[in-house]
C-alpha cells in the first residue's frame, strides 16, 4: 500500500491575544491519498482557514508534523519551502488574490515565470483557454467580473499541475449561479487531472461533491456531524502573505 500524499500528525496551533492563549487546533491527524477529494466543514471561526494556511506552509504550527509527498514541510527552509510549494501544491482563495497590475494571462503565468519555465506563456494560454477566458487574456482584474477573476485564479492554480490543491470557499464571493459554474469548472479540472483536493467550506451541498467529508470542531477533525453550537472565540486566520504575520479574525 502506497503512503498517503498528505500525512498530518498531532497538529496544533495556538494563538496569543491580549496575553490569553487560544488553542485553535488541538492534536489533529489527517491522511489523504493521491487523487482523493476531501471537504472540511466547520462553522466560521472553527479554524478551517488556519488549517489550510498550515497545510500550504504559509504559517507554522505550534507543534506536530505535515508531510506532503513524503517531505516534512515544517522542517524546510523558507527557500526550500517556496520551491516545494511552487511545484507540489496550489491554492484557490475566496478573495481571488490576483495581482492588480497584471493581465489575466500574466497572473496565470506568474508562478511559471517565477519558476523559470521557458514554456510559461504557452502553458498559460492553454490554461486560460481551459477556463474559457482566452478572449479576456489581456484584461486586468478590475476589468473582469467576480466569476471571471475566480476562473483566472483557478487557471493559475492548475497551470503548475499541482499534486495537491487547497480551496478556501472558492465560490464564497460569488452569486449562486456564478458560484455553481465556478465550482463545476473546479471539479471538472480536478477529475480530469486526478488532482488531490482539500476543500474547506461551511456548505454541505458543496462538500457533498467530494469523495470524503469531515468536520472541524473543537480543534479536531471528526466524520460525525457535530451538533450546532454558537460560533466559538477561535476567530483566527493565518494571514496568506507569510508565515509570521499578524493574527486576525476571519471574515
Protein backbone atom coordinates (compact mmCIF):
# COMPACT_ATOMS: atom_id res chain seq x y z
CA UNK A 1 0.00 0.00 0.00
CA UNK A 2 1.48 3.34 -1.07
CA UNK A 3 1.99 6.06 1.57
CA UNK A 4 -0.56 8.90 1.67
CA UNK A 5 0.11 12.04 -0.34
CA UNK A 6 -0.68 14.09 2.77
CA UNK A 7 0.22 12.87 6.25
CA UNK A 8 -0.58 15.08 9.27
CA UNK A 9 0.06 14.05 12.84
CA UNK A 10 -0.60 15.72 16.23
CA UNK A 11 -1.02 19.14 14.60
CA UNK A 12 -1.62 22.03 16.99
CA UNK A 13 -1.93 25.78 16.56
CA UNK A 14 -2.14 28.24 19.43
CA UNK A 15 -2.57 32.00 19.10
CA UNK A 16 -1.99 34.54 21.85
CA UNK A 17 -4.28 37.54 22.07
CA UNK A 18 -4.02 40.11 24.86
CA UNK A 19 -1.94 37.66 26.86
CA UNK A 20 -4.52 34.88 26.51
CA UNK A 21 -3.66 31.63 24.67
CA UNK A 22 -6.30 30.32 22.27
CA UNK A 23 -5.93 26.71 21.13
CA UNK A 24 -7.37 26.63 17.61
CA UNK A 25 -6.12 23.20 16.51
CA UNK A 26 -5.63 20.52 19.16
CA UNK A 27 -3.62 17.48 18.09
CA UNK A 28 -5.14 16.92 14.65
CA UNK A 29 -4.43 13.84 12.50
CA UNK A 30 -5.19 13.57 8.78
CA UNK A 31 -4.22 11.26 5.91
CA UNK A 32 -5.16 11.85 2.27
CA UNK A 33 -4.34 9.52 -0.60
CA UNK A 34 -3.31 10.73 -4.04
CA UNK A 35 -6.37 11.56 -6.15
CA UNK A 36 -8.73 11.82 -3.17
CA UNK A 37 -11.10 14.76 -2.71
CA UNK A 38 -11.85 15.85 0.85
CA UNK A 39 -14.23 18.52 2.16
CA UNK A 40 -13.57 20.00 5.59
CA UNK A 41 -16.67 21.60 7.07
CA UNK A 42 -16.98 23.81 10.10
CA UNK A 43 -18.53 26.96 11.42
CA UNK A 44 -16.94 30.35 10.96
CA UNK A 45 -14.07 30.59 13.41
CA UNK A 46 -13.61 26.84 13.75
CA UNK A 47 -10.08 27.02 12.31
CA UNK A 48 -10.66 25.84 8.71
CA UNK A 49 -8.65 28.62 7.08
CA UNK A 50 -5.96 28.35 9.74
CA UNK A 51 -5.61 24.65 8.90
CA UNK A 52 -5.38 25.42 5.18
CA UNK A 53 -2.65 28.00 5.78
CA UNK A 54 -0.65 25.44 7.75
CA UNK A 55 -1.04 22.77 5.05
CA UNK A 56 0.13 25.30 2.47
CA UNK A 57 3.19 26.21 4.52
CA UNK A 58 2.02 29.82 4.82
CA UNK A 59 2.12 29.58 8.61
CA UNK A 60 3.95 27.39 11.10
CA UNK A 61 2.16 25.03 13.52
CA UNK A 62 2.77 25.28 17.22
CA UNK A 63 3.61 21.57 17.16
CA UNK A 64 3.03 18.49 15.02
CA UNK A 65 4.09 17.38 11.56
CA UNK A 66 2.84 17.93 8.00
CA UNK A 67 4.26 15.69 5.26
CA UNK A 68 3.40 16.08 1.57
CA UNK A 69 4.84 13.54 -0.87
CA UNK A 70 6.99 12.31 1.99
CA UNK A 71 8.52 15.74 2.66
CA UNK A 72 8.14 17.18 6.16
CA UNK A 73 7.33 20.77 5.17
CA UNK A 74 7.57 22.18 8.69
CA UNK A 75 11.31 21.42 8.60
CA UNK A 76 12.05 23.12 5.27
CA UNK A 77 13.81 26.47 4.97
CA UNK A 78 11.84 29.39 3.54
CA UNK A 79 13.57 29.00 0.17
CA UNK A 80 13.12 25.22 0.04
CA UNK A 81 9.50 25.54 1.11
CA UNK A 82 8.79 28.14 -1.58
CA UNK A 83 10.33 25.90 -4.24
CA UNK A 84 8.39 22.86 -3.00
CA UNK A 85 5.13 24.80 -2.83
CA UNK A 86 5.60 26.08 -6.38
CA UNK A 87 5.98 22.52 -7.63
CA UNK A 88 3.63 20.46 -5.49
CA UNK A 89 0.62 22.47 -4.41
CA UNK A 90 -1.68 25.35 -5.31
CA UNK A 91 -4.32 27.37 -3.50
CA UNK A 92 -7.62 28.87 -4.65
CA UNK A 93 -8.70 31.63 -2.28
CA UNK A 94 -12.15 33.07 -1.72
CA UNK A 95 -10.71 36.56 -2.30
CA UNK A 96 -9.01 35.61 -5.63
CA UNK A 97 -5.66 37.29 -4.72
CA UNK A 98 -4.84 38.35 -8.28
CA UNK A 99 -2.13 40.92 -8.99
CA UNK A 100 -3.97 44.09 -9.99
CA UNK A 101 -1.18 45.35 -12.27
CA UNK A 102 -1.01 42.13 -14.29
CA UNK A 103 -3.35 40.96 -17.04
CA UNK A 104 -5.33 37.76 -16.72
CA UNK A 105 -2.73 35.83 -18.72
CA UNK A 106 0.15 37.37 -16.79
CA UNK A 107 -1.49 36.40 -13.48
CA UNK A 108 -1.80 32.82 -14.71
CA UNK A 109 1.78 32.58 -15.95
CA UNK A 110 3.29 34.28 -12.88
CA UNK A 111 4.08 31.09 -10.91
CA UNK A 112 5.66 29.58 -14.03
CA UNK A 113 7.73 32.72 -14.66
CA UNK A 114 8.96 32.67 -11.06
CA UNK A 115 9.97 29.03 -11.53
CA UNK A 116 11.85 29.90 -14.74
CA UNK A 117 9.63 27.81 -17.02
CA UNK A 118 10.58 28.61 -20.62
CA UNK A 119 7.12 27.49 -21.80
CA UNK A 120 5.29 29.75 -19.35
CA UNK A 121 3.35 31.75 -21.96
CA UNK A 122 2.29 28.69 -23.95
CA UNK A 123 1.18 26.84 -20.82
CA UNK A 124 -0.61 29.96 -19.61
CA UNK A 125 -2.53 30.27 -22.87
CA UNK A 126 -3.54 26.62 -22.66
CA UNK A 127 -4.73 27.16 -19.08
CA UNK A 128 -6.75 30.29 -19.82
CA UNK A 129 -8.38 28.50 -22.75
CA UNK A 130 -9.44 25.64 -20.48
CA UNK A 131 -11.31 28.07 -18.22
CA UNK A 132 -12.95 29.75 -21.22
CA UNK A 133 -11.28 33.15 -20.95
CA UNK A 134 -8.96 33.35 -23.95
CA UNK A 135 -10.81 36.45 -25.16
CA UNK A 136 -10.11 38.16 -21.82
CA UNK A 137 -6.40 37.32 -21.59
CA UNK A 138 -5.25 40.95 -21.91
CA UNK A 139 -7.78 42.33 -19.42
CA UNK A 140 -6.76 43.43 -15.92
CA UNK A 141 -8.57 42.10 -12.82
CA UNK A 142 -10.65 45.29 -12.39
CA UNK A 143 -11.99 44.72 -15.91
CA UNK A 144 -13.22 41.22 -15.05
CA UNK A 145 -16.33 40.07 -13.24
CA UNK A 146 -16.06 38.17 -9.96
CA UNK A 147 -16.67 34.87 -11.73
CA UNK A 148 -14.03 35.66 -14.34
CA UNK A 149 -11.49 36.59 -11.68
CA UNK A 150 -12.08 33.29 -9.90
CA UNK A 151 -11.67 31.44 -13.21
CA UNK A 152 -8.32 33.17 -13.65
CA UNK A 153 -7.37 32.14 -10.10
CA UNK A 154 -8.34 28.54 -10.87
CA UNK A 155 -6.31 28.57 -14.08
CA UNK A 156 -3.32 29.95 -12.14
CA UNK A 157 -3.70 27.16 -9.60
CA UNK A 158 -3.82 24.39 -12.20
CA UNK A 159 -1.15 25.73 -14.57
CA UNK A 160 1.61 24.31 -12.37
CA UNK A 161 -0.06 20.89 -12.38
CA UNK A 162 -0.07 20.57 -8.59
CA UNK A 163 -0.29 17.28 -6.75
CA UNK A 164 -2.40 18.92 -4.04
CA UNK A 165 -4.98 21.67 -4.49
CA UNK A 166 -6.28 23.61 -1.50
CA UNK A 167 -9.52 25.54 -1.99
CA UNK A 168 -10.85 28.00 0.59
CA UNK A 169 -14.56 28.72 -0.06
CA UNK A 170 -13.89 29.19 -3.81
CA UNK A 171 -17.46 30.33 -4.54
CA UNK A 172 -17.95 32.31 -1.34
CA UNK A 173 -17.73 35.74 -3.01
CA UNK A 174 -19.93 34.87 -5.99
CA UNK A 175 -23.66 34.84 -6.64
CA UNK A 176 -25.36 31.43 -6.66
CA UNK A 177 -25.38 30.87 -10.43
CA UNK A 178 -21.81 32.06 -10.99
CA UNK A 179 -20.68 30.09 -7.96
CA UNK A 180 -22.12 26.87 -9.37
CA UNK A 181 -20.37 27.47 -12.70
CA UNK A 182 -17.03 28.09 -11.00
CA UNK A 183 -17.39 25.02 -8.77
CA UNK A 184 -18.35 22.87 -11.78
CA UNK A 185 -15.19 24.07 -13.53
CA UNK A 186 -13.06 23.36 -10.47
CA UNK A 187 -14.32 19.80 -10.06
CA UNK A 188 -14.09 19.11 -13.81
CA UNK A 189 -10.41 20.06 -13.75
CA UNK A 190 -9.78 18.08 -10.56
CA UNK A 191 -11.37 14.98 -12.09
CA UNK A 192 -9.68 15.27 -15.49
CA UNK A 193 -6.23 15.70 -13.96
CA UNK A 194 -6.58 13.37 -10.99
CA UNK A 195 -5.66 16.19 -8.62
CA UNK A 196 -5.87 15.65 -4.88
CA UNK A 197 -8.25 18.25 -3.42
CA UNK A 198 -8.93 19.66 0.04
CA UNK A 199 -11.93 21.97 0.06
CA UNK A 200 -12.83 23.97 3.17
CA UNK A 201 -16.40 25.18 3.31
CA UNK A 202 -19.48 25.58 5.50
CA UNK A 203 -21.72 24.46 2.61
CA UNK A 204 -22.94 20.87 2.95
CA UNK A 205 -24.12 20.70 -0.67
CA UNK A 206 -20.72 21.76 -1.96
CA UNK A 207 -18.97 19.37 0.41
CA UNK A 208 -21.11 16.53 -0.94
CA UNK A 209 -19.28 16.78 -4.26
CA UNK A 210 -16.10 15.49 -2.61
CA UNK A 211 -15.37 11.82 -2.10
CA UNK A 212 -14.95 12.33 1.66
CA UNK A 213 -16.01 14.92 4.14
CA UNK A 214 -15.04 15.63 7.70
CA UNK A 215 -15.97 18.20 10.32
CA UNK A 216 -13.68 20.54 12.22
CA UNK A 217 -14.90 21.25 15.73
CA UNK A 218 -13.13 21.98 19.00
CA UNK A 219 -9.79 21.86 17.21
CA UNK A 220 -10.11 18.32 15.84
CA UNK A 221 -11.50 16.53 12.80
CA UNK A 222 -14.36 14.04 13.01
CA UNK A 223 -16.50 12.24 10.45
CA UNK A 224 -19.50 12.64 12.77
CA UNK A 225 -21.87 15.53 12.10
CA UNK A 226 -21.49 17.90 15.06
CA UNK A 227 -24.42 19.36 16.94
CA UNK A 228 -25.00 23.02 16.06
CA UNK A 229 -23.29 25.34 18.53
CA UNK A 230 -22.76 29.10 18.66
CA UNK A 231 -19.53 30.31 16.97
CA UNK A 232 -16.53 29.86 19.23
CA UNK A 233 -13.98 32.52 20.08
CA UNK A 234 -11.32 30.94 17.86
CA UNK A 235 -11.83 33.59 15.18
CA UNK A 236 -8.33 33.40 13.78
CA UNK A 237 -6.97 33.20 10.27
CA UNK A 238 -3.32 32.71 9.49
CA UNK A 239 -2.50 35.53 7.04
CA UNK A 240 -1.95 34.47 3.41
CA UNK A 241 1.02 36.75 2.93
CA UNK A 242 3.54 34.95 5.10
CA UNK A 243 4.31 32.60 7.94
CA UNK A 244 4.90 35.23 10.61
CA UNK A 245 2.16 37.83 10.00
CA UNK A 246 -0.25 39.30 12.50
CA UNK A 247 -3.21 37.17 13.54
CA UNK A 248 -6.67 38.39 12.71
CA UNK A 249 -10.26 37.29 12.71
CA UNK A 250 -11.59 35.62 9.54
CA UNK A 251 -14.38 37.22 7.56
